[in-house]
Amino acid sequence: MEIYLYLSTYIILIIGLSIYISRSSSSEDFLIGGRNKSAYAILFSKFAGAIGVSTLITYTGYAYKFGWGLFAMSLGSVIGYFLFAFWAAPKIKKLSKQGKFYTQGDLPAFVTNNKNTATVTNFITIAVQFFWILLSLAGGAKIIAFFEILPYETALLITAIVVMVYVLFSGFKAVIITDIFQAVIIIAFLCILIYGMFDSKDFGMILSSTTGNNVTIGSVVGLVLYGGLSVFGLADRYQLCYAAKDEKSLKRGLSLAIIPVLCIVFLLLIIGLYTYIQNPNLDPDTVFVYAMQNFIAQSWLPLLLVLFFAGLMSTADTSIFAVASHIVSATKEEQKVKSLRYATIITVIVAFIVALFWRSIVDITIVGAALRMTLSIAMIYVILQKRNSGRFLASALGGLLGLIIGILVFGPTPTIAITVLLGSLLGLIYRSKAPKEV
């Protein structure tokens, strides 16, 4: 009974917050957060959007399998965060002031003066973000259903409806403000989880323990490439750049976001190592759920599951807004808010239907993660303000081709990051015969 009380309270709170926000929101607030967000708003939104179902499950699995090697695999993310924050983000913000951008595709279209670049970029972006909607909805619903609190279908429906409602009311402004609230919840969730698992005297034993596997060079290289480059292919990072108050706030917010992310990685490392000590024969994909099921007092579970439910929403709302806003990218400005609301409803309905039948978290994660890198080199090309549209398009499509070849040759492993990178770089060889200037 407790779970329903906690869940109802959270839903009322989050929807009430979005309704309150909508009362003082303009169309620009709805579409891109008003372009006045502070460093702390950017920080919490970036952090909350980065920590989702896949992060909790896969990083705990990596920690269980590779121990402290988890931080070697996180190196790429650190590099990517700082490179994007201090080099790319200020350039993107400066260009967005000139072009009044809303979608990821607006940037290459402005730089290359070619609308086809926007069409290709937004199409790939919709595909990438849609996989993360599926991952958030299906992954969260499966874990809630695993503990027999709610059936999978019911948990999926509630999550989809709640996120859809508050995005409909306040758009991107709600996404950012609720992310601040949800970021605090995510940290509280993991701290409570660890507190309930073991006493402080166990820390020394846990931190000095090792697992039976070492991280291979190929995996490290692939994951460093992935972590360093994937940030350049994600729409929500660009939309945060557009929404920031100024370049200084943007740099500070994005760079500081790595601190809570690394704290979360450390907490997941502890969970993974502790679980390995207790049972070294698990499938790494099941470690996070196993820890919740076996090492937590049953009295904690209702609160923990609601906190987990809130955390997964922080990723789902970002991706839902990204998909909907990119679907209506070609709509006239005066119709954008209305069209985006319709697109939000359609996006959630389609994602709900797909998630009813496709429930494999591992499969969804593999496809979505690989797609994230396909635009990276092409976007770096236009951030450098290189204007040849042919090279941009060839790089984007080359990344897709590299992804397909990598999966066929190597299967779903981190090594395919290398083939995506090669395909993207080879695409830059092509040059349009008559590049257009801005």
Protein backbone atom coordinates (compact mmCIF):
# COMPACT_ATOMS: atom_id res chain seq x y z
CA MET A 1 0.00 0.00 0.00
CA GLU A 2 2.92 2.35 0.76
CA ILE A 3 4.13 2.21 -2.84
CA TYR A 4 0.83 3.59 -4.14
CA LEU A 5 0.88 6.45 -1.63
CA TYR A 6 4.46 7.41 -2.55
CA LEU A 7 3.77 7.03 -6.26
CA SER A 8 0.58 9.13 -6.15
CA THR A 9 2.34 11.84 -4.15
CA TYR A 10 5.20 12.03 -6.63
CA ILE A 11 2.88 12.12 -9.68
CA ILE A 12 0.74 14.90 -8.16
CA LEU A 13 3.87 16.84 -7.24
CA ILE A 14 5.53 16.61 -10.67
CA ILE A 15 2.37 17.41 -12.63
CA GLY A 16 1.46 20.23 -10.23
CA LEU A 17 4.94 21.70 -10.70
CA SER A 18 4.56 21.64 -14.49
CA ILE A 19 1.13 23.32 -14.32
CA TYR A 20 2.55 26.03 -12.07
CA ILE A 21 5.46 26.56 -14.51
CA SER A 22 3.07 26.81 -17.47
CA ARG A 23 1.20 29.75 -15.91
CA SER A 24 4.17 32.05 -16.49
CA SER A 25 5.61 30.47 -19.64
CA SER A 26 5.94 32.07 -23.05
CA SER A 27 6.16 30.18 -26.35
CA GLU A 28 9.93 30.61 -26.24
CA ASP A 29 9.97 29.06 -22.74
CA PHE A 30 7.98 26.12 -24.08
CA LEU A 31 10.16 25.61 -27.15
CA ILE A 32 13.64 26.15 -25.75
CA GLY A 33 13.41 27.08 -22.06
CA GLY A 34 13.49 30.84 -22.66
CA ARG A 35 17.20 30.90 -23.57
CA ASN A 36 18.00 32.20 -20.08
CA LYS A 37 18.97 29.15 -18.05
CA SER A 38 21.66 29.50 -15.39
CA ALA A 39 24.76 27.36 -14.90
CA TYR A 40 23.07 25.34 -12.14
CA ALA A 41 19.97 24.66 -14.22
CA ILE A 42 22.23 23.44 -17.04
CA LEU A 43 24.28 21.34 -14.59
CA PHE A 44 21.33 19.51 -13.05
CA SER A 45 19.55 19.03 -16.37
CA LYS A 46 22.68 17.62 -17.99
CA PHE A 47 23.30 15.31 -15.04
CA ALA A 48 19.70 14.09 -14.79
CA GLY A 49 19.51 13.46 -18.54
CA ALA A 50 22.73 11.44 -18.43
CA ILE A 51 21.70 9.13 -15.57
CA GLY A 52 18.94 6.82 -16.72
CA VAL A 53 17.91 3.18 -16.57
CA SER A 54 20.73 2.10 -18.89
CA THR A 55 23.33 3.89 -16.76
CA LEU A 56 22.23 2.23 -13.53
CA ILE A 57 22.07 -1.23 -15.07
CA THR A 58 25.08 -1.22 -17.41
CA TYR A 59 27.54 0.64 -15.15
CA THR A 60 26.72 -1.64 -12.23
CA GLY A 61 27.23 -4.61 -14.56
CA TYR A 62 30.57 -3.20 -15.73
CA ALA A 63 31.66 -2.67 -12.10
CA TYR A 64 30.64 -6.25 -11.25
CA LYS A 65 32.64 -7.61 -14.18
CA PHE A 66 35.67 -5.27 -14.32
CA GLY A 67 35.85 -3.67 -10.86
CA TRP A 68 37.95 -0.52 -10.85
CA GLY A 69 38.33 -0.93 -14.61
CA LEU A 70 34.96 0.85 -14.72
CA PHE A 71 36.81 4.16 -14.33
CA ALA A 72 39.11 3.33 -17.24
CA MET A 73 35.99 2.87 -19.33
CA SER A 74 34.58 6.17 -18.00
CA LEU A 75 37.63 8.09 -19.19
CA GLY A 76 36.02 8.83 -22.56
CA SER A 77 32.99 10.40 -20.88
CA VAL A 78 35.22 12.74 -18.86
CA ILE A 79 37.11 13.76 -22.02
CA GLY A 80 33.86 14.23 -23.93
CA TYR A 81 32.23 16.34 -21.20
CA PHE A 82 35.13 18.77 -20.94
CA LEU A 83 35.77 18.97 -24.68
CA PHE A 84 32.12 19.74 -25.36
CA ALA A 85 31.79 22.16 -22.43
CA PHE A 86 34.88 24.28 -23.04
CA TRP A 87 35.33 24.04 -26.80
CA ALA A 88 32.08 23.15 -28.58
CA ALA A 89 29.34 24.62 -26.36
CA PRO A 90 30.46 28.28 -26.55
CA LYS A 91 30.72 28.04 -30.34
CA ILE A 92 27.26 26.46 -30.57
CA LYS A 93 25.75 29.11 -28.28
CA LYS A 94 27.30 31.93 -30.32
CA LEU A 95 25.97 30.52 -33.59
CA SER A 96 22.53 29.89 -32.06
CA LYS A 97 22.22 33.57 -31.22
CA GLN A 98 22.67 34.38 -34.89
CA GLY A 99 20.32 31.69 -36.19
CA LYS A 100 17.76 31.29 -33.36
CA PHE A 101 18.10 27.50 -33.30
CA TYR A 102 15.60 25.03 -31.85
CA THR A 103 16.76 21.62 -33.16
CA GLN A 104 20.08 19.91 -33.71
CA GLY A 105 19.62 20.16 -37.47
CA ASP A 106 19.35 23.96 -37.33
CA LEU A 107 23.10 24.20 -36.67
CA PRO A 108 24.38 22.39 -39.82
CA ALA A 109 21.67 24.04 -41.94
CA PHE A 110 22.83 27.48 -40.78
CA VAL A 111 26.54 26.77 -41.24
CA THR A 112 26.29 25.00 -44.62
CA ASN A 113 23.28 26.97 -45.91
CA ASN A 114 21.76 23.67 -47.01
CA LYS A 115 18.40 22.45 -45.69
CA ASN A 116 19.21 18.83 -46.59
CA THR A 117 21.75 18.75 -43.75
CA ALA A 118 18.97 19.65 -41.30
CA THR A 119 16.69 16.95 -42.72
CA VAL A 120 19.33 14.20 -42.40
CA THR A 121 20.45 15.37 -38.96
CA ASN A 122 16.95 15.57 -37.53
CA PHE A 123 15.99 12.19 -39.01
CA ILE A 124 18.96 10.47 -37.34
CA THR A 125 18.31 12.42 -34.12
CA ILE A 126 14.70 11.23 -34.00
CA ALA A 127 15.89 7.62 -34.36
CA VAL A 128 18.57 8.02 -31.66
CA GLN A 129 16.32 9.69 -29.11
CA PHE A 130 13.43 7.31 -29.78
CA PHE A 131 15.59 4.37 -28.67
CA TRP A 132 16.29 6.17 -25.38
CA ILE A 133 12.57 6.72 -24.84
CA LEU A 134 12.06 2.98 -25.29
CA LEU A 135 14.93 2.23 -22.93
CA SER A 136 13.58 4.52 -20.22
CA LEU A 137 10.00 3.31 -20.48
CA ALA A 138 10.67 -0.42 -20.95
CA GLY A 139 13.60 -0.59 -18.52
CA GLY A 140 11.80 1.21 -15.74
CA ALA A 141 8.57 -0.74 -16.21
CA LYS A 142 10.43 -4.07 -16.20
CA ILE A 143 12.15 -3.33 -12.89
CA ILE A 144 8.93 -2.14 -11.22
CA ALA A 145 7.15 -5.24 -12.55
CA PHE A 146 10.01 -7.47 -11.38
CA PHE A 147 9.21 -6.57 -7.78
CA GLU A 148 5.50 -7.28 -8.40
CA ILE A 149 4.48 -3.76 -7.38
CA LEU A 150 2.69 -3.11 -10.66
CA PRO A 151 2.27 -5.20 -13.82
CA TYR A 152 4.64 -4.26 -16.66
CA GLU A 153 1.83 -2.83 -18.79
CA THR A 154 0.49 -0.69 -15.92
CA ALA A 155 3.93 0.65 -14.97
CA LEU A 156 4.62 1.44 -18.63
CA LEU A 157 1.29 3.24 -19.05
CA ILE A 158 1.67 5.33 -15.87
CA THR A 159 5.21 6.40 -16.76
CA ALA A 160 4.25 7.33 -20.33
CA ILE A 161 1.16 9.31 -19.28
CA VAL A 162 2.86 11.24 -16.47
CA VAL A 163 5.82 12.31 -18.62
CA MET A 164 3.54 13.18 -21.54
CA VAL A 165 1.27 15.36 -19.34
CA TYR A 166 3.98 17.53 -17.84
CA VAL A 167 5.80 17.95 -21.16
CA LEU A 168 2.49 18.98 -22.76
CA PHE A 169 1.96 21.68 -20.14
CA SER A 170 5.36 23.36 -20.11
CA GLY A 171 7.58 21.87 -22.81
CA PHE A 172 11.34 22.30 -22.54
CA LYS A 173 11.04 24.61 -19.53
CA ALA A 174 9.38 21.78 -17.61
CA VAL A 175 12.05 19.32 -18.79
CA ILE A 176 14.83 21.48 -17.34
CA ILE A 177 13.10 22.41 -14.07
CA THR A 178 11.88 18.88 -13.32
CA ASP A 179 15.39 17.62 -14.14
CA ILE A 180 16.71 19.71 -11.23
CA PHE A 181 14.21 18.05 -8.91
CA GLN A 182 14.86 14.60 -10.36
CA ALA A 183 18.66 14.95 -10.18
CA VAL A 184 18.43 15.34 -6.41
CA ILE A 185 16.14 12.30 -6.28
CA ILE A 186 18.62 10.16 -8.28
CA ILE A 187 21.46 10.95 -5.85
CA ALA A 188 19.21 10.32 -2.84
CA PHE A 189 18.06 7.02 -4.37
CA LEU A 190 21.59 5.63 -4.71
CA CYS A 191 22.70 6.88 -1.30
CA ILE A 192 19.72 5.19 0.36
CA LEU A 193 20.37 2.04 -1.67
CA ILE A 194 23.98 1.84 -0.52
CA TYR A 195 23.09 2.76 3.06
CA GLY A 196 20.59 -0.09 3.16
CA MET A 197 23.05 -2.61 1.69
CA PHE A 198 25.91 -2.61 4.17
CA ASP A 199 27.60 -0.95 7.15
CA SER A 200 30.39 1.61 6.80
CA LYS A 201 32.89 -0.95 8.16
CA ASP A 202 32.45 -2.92 4.92
CA PHE A 203 33.83 -0.10 2.75
CA GLY A 204 37.49 -1.04 3.22
CA MET A 205 36.85 -4.62 2.18
CA ILE A 206 34.75 -3.56 -0.79
CA LEU A 207 37.19 -0.96 -2.13
CA SER A 208 40.15 -3.35 -1.86
CA SER A 209 38.37 -6.20 -3.66
CA THR A 210 38.92 -7.16 -7.29
CA THR A 211 36.97 -9.13 -9.88
CA GLY A 212 38.17 -11.91 -12.12
CA ASN A 213 38.21 -9.87 -15.35
CA ASN A 214 40.49 -7.23 -16.81
CA VAL A 215 39.43 -4.54 -19.24
CA THR A 216 40.81 -5.29 -22.70
CA ILE A 217 42.60 -2.61 -24.72
CA GLY A 218 39.98 -2.92 -27.48
CA SER A 219 37.15 -2.27 -25.03
CA VAL A 220 38.94 0.71 -23.48
CA VAL A 221 39.67 2.24 -26.89
CA GLY A 222 36.10 1.65 -28.07
CA LEU A 223 34.55 3.07 -24.91
CA VAL A 224 36.89 6.07 -24.83
CA LEU A 225 35.92 6.83 -28.42
CA TYR A 226 32.27 6.34 -27.57
CA GLY A 227 32.38 8.48 -24.43
CA GLY A 228 34.45 11.21 -26.05
CA LEU A 229 32.46 11.47 -29.27
CA SER A 230 28.88 10.45 -28.49
CA VAL A 231 28.23 13.71 -26.64
CA PHE A 232 28.54 15.50 -30.00
CA GLY A 233 25.71 13.44 -31.49
CA LEU A 234 23.01 14.00 -28.87
CA ALA A 235 20.23 16.53 -29.45
CA ASP A 236 19.61 17.40 -25.81
CA ARG A 237 23.18 18.77 -25.47
CA TYR A 238 22.55 21.18 -28.34
CA GLN A 239 19.18 22.22 -26.98
CA LEU A 240 20.80 22.94 -23.60
CA CYS A 241 23.31 25.14 -25.43
CA TYR A 242 20.46 27.07 -27.05
CA ALA A 243 18.64 27.39 -23.70
CA ALA A 244 21.61 28.72 -21.69
CA LYS A 245 21.72 32.35 -20.56
CA ASP A 246 25.23 32.93 -21.91
CA GLU A 247 28.49 31.19 -22.80
CA LYS A 248 29.92 31.49 -19.27
CA SER A 249 26.88 29.82 -17.64
CA LEU A 250 26.94 27.14 -20.30
CA LYS A 251 30.62 26.26 -19.83
CA ARG A 252 30.30 26.19 -16.06
CA GLY A 253 27.11 24.10 -16.02
CA LEU A 254 28.22 21.48 -18.54
CA SER A 255 31.72 21.06 -17.08
CA LEU A 256 30.53 20.81 -13.47
CA ALA A 257 28.02 18.11 -14.47
CA ILE A 258 30.86 15.60 -14.65
CA ILE A 259 31.29 15.79 -10.85
CA PRO A 260 27.90 14.29 -9.86
CA VAL A 261 28.18 11.84 -12.78
CA LEU A 262 31.52 10.54 -11.43
CA CYS A 263 30.00 10.36 -7.95
CA ILE A 264 27.22 8.18 -9.33
CA VAL A 265 29.80 5.99 -11.13
CA PHE A 266 31.60 5.55 -7.79
CA LEU A 267 28.38 4.56 -6.01
CA LEU A 268 27.59 2.05 -8.77
CA LEU A 269 31.15 0.71 -8.45
CA ILE A 270 30.52 0.01 -4.76
CA ILE A 271 27.23 -1.77 -5.55
CA GLY A 272 28.88 -3.85 -8.27
CA LEU A 273 31.88 -4.86 -6.13
CA TYR A 274 29.73 -5.67 -3.10
CA THR A 275 27.45 -7.83 -5.22
CA TYR A 276 30.48 -9.62 -6.70
CA ILE A 277 31.76 -10.41 -3.20
CA GLN A 278 28.39 -11.90 -2.27
CA ASN A 279 27.78 -13.79 -5.52
CA PRO A 280 30.43 -13.94 -8.27
CA ASN A 281 28.30 -16.04 -10.64
CA LEU A 282 25.66 -13.58 -11.84
CA ASP A 283 24.90 -12.30 -15.31
CA PRO A 284 26.26 -8.68 -15.23
CA ASP A 285 23.00 -7.42 -16.75
CA THR A 286 21.07 -8.55 -13.66
CA VAL A 287 23.38 -7.17 -10.96
CA PHE A 288 21.51 -3.94 -10.23
CA VAL A 289 18.15 -5.65 -9.83
CA TYR A 290 19.76 -8.51 -7.86
CA ALA A 291 21.24 -5.98 -5.42
CA MET A 292 17.89 -4.29 -4.87
CA GLN A 293 16.16 -7.62 -4.41
CA ASN A 294 18.61 -9.31 -2.07
CA PHE A 295 20.50 -6.67 -0.09
CA ILE A 296 17.79 -4.19 0.82
CA ALA A 297 15.30 -4.51 3.67
CA GLN A 298 11.83 -5.02 2.24
CA SER A 299 10.57 -1.96 4.12
CA TRP A 300 12.85 0.24 1.95
CA LEU A 301 11.59 -1.08 -1.38
CA PRO A 302 8.44 1.07 -1.86
CA LEU A 303 10.38 4.32 -1.38
CA LEU A 304 13.33 3.11 -3.47
CA LEU A 305 11.14 2.06 -6.37
CA VAL A 306 9.35 5.41 -6.46
CA LEU A 307 12.71 7.20 -6.40
CA PHE A 308 13.85 4.93 -9.23
CA PHE A 309 10.60 5.70 -11.07
CA ALA A 310 11.34 9.42 -10.74
CA GLY A 311 14.89 8.96 -11.95
CA LEU A 312 13.92 7.16 -15.15
CA MET A 313 11.51 10.01 -15.99
CA SER A 314 14.43 12.44 -16.10
CA THR A 315 15.76 10.62 -19.16
CA ALA A 316 12.37 9.89 -20.72
CA ASP A 317 11.15 13.51 -20.72
CA THR A 318 14.37 14.79 -22.34
CA SER A 319 14.16 12.22 -25.13
CA ILE A 320 10.41 12.67 -25.69
CA PHE A 321 10.81 16.43 -26.07
CA ALA A 322 13.81 15.95 -28.38
CA VAL A 323 11.88 13.60 -30.68
CA ALA A 324 8.74 15.76 -30.76
CA SER A 325 10.62 19.02 -31.37
CA HIS A 326 12.64 17.49 -34.22
CA ILE A 327 9.50 16.05 -35.84
CA VAL A 328 8.00 19.56 -36.11
CA SER A 329 11.28 21.28 -37.03
CA ALA A 330 9.93 22.48 -40.39
CA THR A 331 6.69 23.91 -38.91
CA LYS A 332 6.07 27.66 -39.05
CA GLU A 333 7.09 29.41 -35.84
CA GLU A 334 3.58 30.54 -34.91
CA GLN A 335 2.38 26.91 -35.12
CA LYS A 336 5.34 25.28 -33.35
CA VAL A 337 3.91 25.06 -29.82
CA LYS A 338 0.60 23.55 -30.96
CA SER A 339 2.34 21.17 -33.40
CA LEU A 340 4.89 20.13 -30.78
CA ARG A 341 2.12 19.19 -28.36
CA TYR A 342 0.50 16.97 -30.99
CA ALA A 343 3.89 15.46 -31.83
CA THR A 344 4.50 14.75 -28.13
CA ILE A 345 1.24 12.79 -27.88
CA ILE A 346 2.02 10.80 -31.03
CA THR A 347 5.60 10.09 -29.88
CA VAL A 348 4.48 8.77 -26.50
CA ILE A 349 1.72 6.61 -28.01
CA VAL A 350 4.10 5.05 -30.56
CA ALA A 351 6.79 4.47 -27.91
CA PHE A 352 4.23 2.90 -25.57
CA ILE A 353 3.02 0.49 -28.28
CA VAL A 354 6.57 -0.50 -29.29
CA ALA A 355 7.61 -0.99 -25.64
CA LEU A 356 4.64 -3.28 -25.08
CA PHE A 357 6.16 -5.78 -27.51
CA TRP A 358 9.90 -5.02 -27.50
CA ARG A 359 11.04 -5.38 -23.90
CA SER A 360 14.72 -6.31 -24.28
CA ILE A 361 16.76 -3.66 -22.45
CA VAL A 362 20.03 -5.08 -23.76
CA ASP A 363 18.97 -4.98 -27.44
CA ILE A 364 17.56 -1.47 -27.15
CA THR A 365 20.71 -0.24 -25.39
CA ILE A 366 23.04 -1.71 -28.01
CA VAL A 367 21.18 -0.19 -30.96
CA GLY A 368 20.66 3.17 -29.28
CA ALA A 369 24.25 3.51 -28.04
CA ALA A 370 25.69 2.74 -31.47
CA LEU A 371 23.38 5.25 -33.15
CA ARG A 372 24.55 8.01 -30.80
CA MET A 373 27.98 8.18 -32.45
CA THR A 374 26.90 8.32 -36.09
CA LEU A 375 26.48 12.12 -36.17
CA SER A 376 29.46 13.00 -33.97
CA ILE A 377 32.15 13.67 -36.59
CA ALA A 378 29.69 15.46 -38.89
CA MET A 379 28.60 17.76 -36.04
CA ILE A 380 32.21 18.49 -35.06
CA TYR A 381 32.78 19.42 -38.72
CA VAL A 382 30.09 22.13 -38.63
CA ILE A 383 31.04 23.32 -35.13
CA LEU A 384 34.41 24.08 -36.73
CA GLN A 385 32.28 26.16 -39.16
CA LYS A 386 33.30 24.11 -42.19
CA ARG A 387 30.60 24.79 -44.76
CA ASN A 388 30.72 22.03 -47.34
CA SER A 389 27.31 20.35 -47.13
CA GLY A 390 28.49 17.33 -49.13
CA ARG A 391 31.16 16.50 -46.59
CA PHE A 392 28.69 16.85 -43.73
CA LEU A 393 26.13 14.55 -45.37
CA ALA A 394 28.77 12.00 -46.42
CA SER A 395 30.19 11.92 -42.88
CA ALA A 396 26.75 11.38 -41.31
CA LEU A 397 25.83 8.63 -43.77
CA GLY A 398 29.34 7.16 -43.51
CA GLY A 399 28.81 6.83 -39.76
CA LEU A 400 25.59 4.90 -40.38
CA LEU A 401 27.35 2.63 -42.88
CA GLY A 402 30.21 2.06 -40.43
CA LEU A 403 27.67 1.11 -37.77
CA ILE A 404 26.06 -1.49 -40.02
CA ILE A 405 29.42 -2.96 -41.06
CA GLY A 406 30.66 -3.00 -37.44
CA ILE A 407 27.60 -4.89 -36.20
CA LEU A 408 27.87 -7.42 -39.05
CA VAL A 409 31.61 -8.01 -38.47
CA PHE A 410 32.06 -7.64 -34.70
CA GLY A 411 28.54 -7.95 -33.33
CA PRO A 412 27.21 -5.72 -30.52
CA THR A 413 30.56 -4.92 -28.83
CA PRO A 414 32.30 -1.61 -27.97
CA THR A 415 34.67 -2.25 -30.91
CA ILE A 416 32.01 -1.05 -33.38
CA ALA A 417 32.74 2.50 -32.17
CA ILE A 418 35.92 2.24 -34.26
CA THR A 419 34.04 1.34 -37.47
CA VAL A 420 31.55 4.16 -36.92
CA LEU A 421 34.46 6.58 -36.48
CA LEU A 422 36.23 5.31 -39.61
CA GLY A 423 33.04 5.56 -41.68
CA SER A 424 32.44 9.11 -40.49
CA LEU A 425 36.03 10.20 -41.19
CA LEU A 426 36.07 8.59 -44.65
CA GLY A 427 32.88 10.49 -45.46
CA LEU A 428 34.76 13.77 -45.01
CA ILE A 429 36.83 12.92 -48.11
CA TYR A 430 33.81 13.68 -50.29
CA ARG A 431 33.34 17.33 -51.22
CA SER A 432 30.42 19.05 -52.93
CA LYS A 433 31.37 20.59 -56.28
CA ALA A 434 29.86 23.95 -55.44
CA PRO A 435 29.69 24.53 -51.67
CA LYS A 436 27.42 27.36 -50.65
CA GLU A 437 28.50 30.13 -48.32
CA VAL A 438 26.38 31.50 -45.50
